[in-house]
Amino acid sequence: MNMNSRYPSFSELNKPIREVVTKRLIGVTTDSSLQEGVAKMVEFTISSLVVTDGTDPVGLITDTDVKRAVADGLPPDIPVEKVMTTGLITVDISTPIREALETMSQQKIKHMLVTEQGDIVGVITLRDLEDISRQRLETYISRE
């Protein structure tokens, strides 16, 4: 076991993402302001929100989208619909972590929605994968 690794070991990469997915989806509607979205991100200490149009997910607003909006000088009352990431990429909850990482790498994304039987049930982030390694290290240290 490589204690310096930020990411899961080879055996952990074959586990399904259901073991690491965050099932607490927090979102906003398309007409919510950027400021409202950022306030939710701060309140829940998260880096992305699902954006819905009614009950249907239509995008994600991520910390990167927020940085881009600020850098472009967009006002805080702009609707999140104007700055969100569209073209949602999803992965099934039974997919091995390795495959999810490959997809995230190929698509150059840090957040991906997780589906189960076609319904969105959560989100997986690179941070979730870093947390696995941190937990593994804490377990190792506590055994010493």
Protein backbone atom coordinates (compact mmCIF):
# COMPACT_ATOMS: atom_id res chain seq x y z
CA MET A 1 0.00 0.00 0.00
CA ASN A 2 1.43 3.35 -1.03
CA MET A 3 0.70 5.78 1.80
CA ASN A 4 1.61 8.77 -0.37
CA SER A 5 -1.01 7.97 -2.98
CA ARG A 6 -3.83 10.49 -3.30
CA TYR A 7 -5.98 8.02 -5.22
CA PRO A 8 -7.31 4.52 -4.59
CA SER A 9 -5.19 1.38 -4.88
CA PHE A 10 -5.60 -0.98 -7.84
CA SER A 11 -7.97 -3.28 -5.93
CA GLU A 12 -10.08 -0.30 -4.86
CA LEU A 13 -10.33 0.84 -8.48
CA ASN A 14 -12.30 -2.30 -9.31
CA LYS A 15 -14.96 -1.58 -6.68
CA PRO A 16 -18.24 -0.11 -7.93
CA ILE A 17 -18.67 3.62 -7.48
CA ARG A 18 -21.73 2.93 -5.30
CA GLU A 19 -19.19 2.61 -2.48
CA VAL A 20 -17.98 6.21 -2.84
CA VAL A 21 -20.80 8.14 -4.48
CA THR A 22 -22.25 11.12 -2.66
CA LYS A 23 -25.98 10.50 -2.60
CA ARG A 24 -26.86 13.89 -1.20
CA LEU A 25 -27.81 15.85 -4.30
CA ILE A 26 -28.15 19.56 -3.71
CA GLY A 27 -29.45 21.69 -6.50
CA VAL A 28 -30.91 24.89 -7.81
CA THR A 29 -33.31 25.72 -10.60
CA THR A 30 -32.26 27.28 -13.89
CA ASP A 31 -33.58 30.69 -12.84
CA SER A 32 -31.71 30.74 -9.50
CA SER A 33 -29.09 33.45 -9.36
CA LEU A 34 -25.39 32.70 -9.38
CA GLN A 35 -25.22 34.26 -5.91
CA GLU A 36 -27.93 31.86 -4.63
CA GLY A 37 -26.02 28.93 -6.10
CA VAL A 38 -22.73 29.98 -4.56
CA ALA A 39 -24.45 30.51 -1.20
CA LYS A 40 -25.68 26.89 -1.31
CA MET A 41 -22.24 25.63 -2.27
CA VAL A 42 -20.77 27.47 0.73
CA GLU A 43 -23.55 26.37 3.10
CA PHE A 44 -23.14 22.69 2.25
CA THR A 45 -19.36 22.82 1.63
CA ILE A 46 -19.69 21.34 -1.87
CA SER A 47 -18.11 22.13 -5.21
CA SER A 48 -21.08 21.55 -7.50
CA LEU A 49 -24.86 21.81 -7.70
CA VAL A 50 -27.31 20.03 -9.96
CA VAL A 51 -29.32 22.52 -12.00
CA THR A 52 -32.90 21.48 -12.72
CA ASP A 53 -35.62 22.69 -15.03
CA GLY A 54 -38.65 21.54 -13.08
CA THR A 55 -37.62 18.06 -11.95
CA ASP A 56 -35.27 17.32 -14.85
CA PRO A 57 -31.51 17.86 -14.41
CA VAL A 58 -30.22 20.06 -17.22
CA GLY A 59 -26.77 21.02 -15.99
CA LEU A 60 -24.23 21.35 -13.24
CA ILE A 61 -22.82 24.51 -11.75
CA THR A 62 -19.32 23.87 -10.47
CA ASP A 63 -16.70 25.87 -8.66
CA THR A 64 -14.92 26.20 -12.02
CA ASP A 65 -18.07 27.69 -13.61
CA VAL A 66 -18.26 30.21 -10.75
CA LYS A 67 -14.60 31.21 -11.19
CA ARG A 68 -15.14 31.66 -14.92
CA ALA A 69 -18.24 33.82 -14.32
CA VAL A 70 -16.38 36.04 -11.84
CA ALA A 71 -13.36 36.33 -14.17
CA ASP A 72 -15.71 37.36 -16.99
CA GLY A 73 -17.23 40.06 -14.76
CA LEU A 74 -20.73 38.57 -14.77
CA PRO A 75 -23.13 40.00 -12.18
CA PRO A 76 -24.09 37.89 -9.13
CA ASP A 77 -27.78 38.03 -10.11
CA ILE A 78 -27.21 36.28 -13.47
CA PRO A 79 -29.26 33.05 -13.71
CA VAL A 80 -27.17 29.91 -13.21
CA GLU A 81 -28.57 28.72 -16.53
CA LYS A 82 -26.23 31.23 -18.23
CA VAL A 83 -23.06 29.85 -16.62
CA MET A 84 -23.80 26.17 -15.92
CA THR A 85 -22.11 23.23 -17.58
CA THR A 86 -24.48 21.41 -19.92
CA GLY A 87 -24.14 18.16 -21.82
CA LEU A 88 -24.30 16.11 -18.64
CA ILE A 89 -22.06 13.07 -18.48
CA THR A 90 -23.38 10.30 -16.30
CA VAL A 91 -22.15 6.96 -15.06
CA ASP A 92 -24.09 3.99 -13.69
CA ILE A 93 -23.73 3.30 -9.97
CA SER A 94 -22.38 -0.21 -10.63
CA THR A 95 -19.50 1.05 -12.80
CA PRO A 96 -16.03 0.31 -11.40
CA ILE A 97 -14.23 3.33 -9.97
CA ARG A 98 -11.50 2.78 -12.59
CA GLU A 99 -13.95 3.27 -15.47
CA ALA A 100 -15.45 6.37 -13.86
CA LEU A 101 -11.95 7.84 -13.48
CA GLU A 102 -11.18 7.05 -17.13
CA THR A 103 -14.35 8.82 -18.25
CA MET A 104 -13.60 11.83 -16.06
CA SER A 105 -10.07 11.99 -17.45
CA GLN A 106 -11.18 11.65 -21.08
CA GLN A 107 -13.90 14.28 -20.65
CA LYS A 108 -11.64 16.56 -18.53
CA ILE A 109 -14.22 16.84 -15.74
CA LYS A 110 -14.04 16.72 -11.92
CA HIS A 111 -17.75 16.05 -11.26
CA MET A 112 -19.99 13.38 -12.77
CA LEU A 113 -23.61 12.51 -12.11
CA VAL A 114 -24.36 8.93 -11.06
CA THR A 115 -27.44 7.05 -12.24
CA GLU A 116 -29.23 3.95 -11.06
CA GLN A 117 -31.78 2.41 -13.40
CA GLY A 118 -31.75 5.64 -15.40
CA ASP A 119 -32.44 7.96 -12.45
CA ILE A 120 -29.83 10.38 -11.12
CA VAL A 121 -29.00 9.28 -7.59
CA GLY A 122 -25.79 11.09 -6.79
CA VAL A 123 -22.57 12.70 -7.87
CA ILE A 124 -18.98 11.48 -7.88
CA THR A 125 -16.07 13.88 -7.69
CA LEU A 126 -12.32 13.59 -7.73
CA ARG A 127 -12.49 14.75 -4.10
CA ASP A 128 -14.53 11.63 -3.23
CA LEU A 129 -11.68 9.51 -4.56
CA GLU A 130 -9.12 11.49 -2.56
CA ASP A 131 -11.26 10.89 0.55
CA ILE A 132 -10.93 7.10 0.07
CA SER A 133 -7.17 7.39 0.30
CA ARG A 134 -7.38 9.70 3.32
CA GLN A 135 -9.64 7.20 5.12
CA ARG A 136 -7.27 4.37 4.23
CA LEU A 137 -4.35 6.34 5.69
CA GLU A 138 -6.29 7.19 8.86
CA THR A 139 -7.16 3.50 9.32
CA TYR A 140 -3.53 2.53 8.81
CA ILE A 141 -2.33 5.13 11.36
CA SER A 142 -4.93 4.09 13.94
CA ARG A 143 -3.66 0.49 13.76
CA GLU A 144 -0.13 1.57 14.66
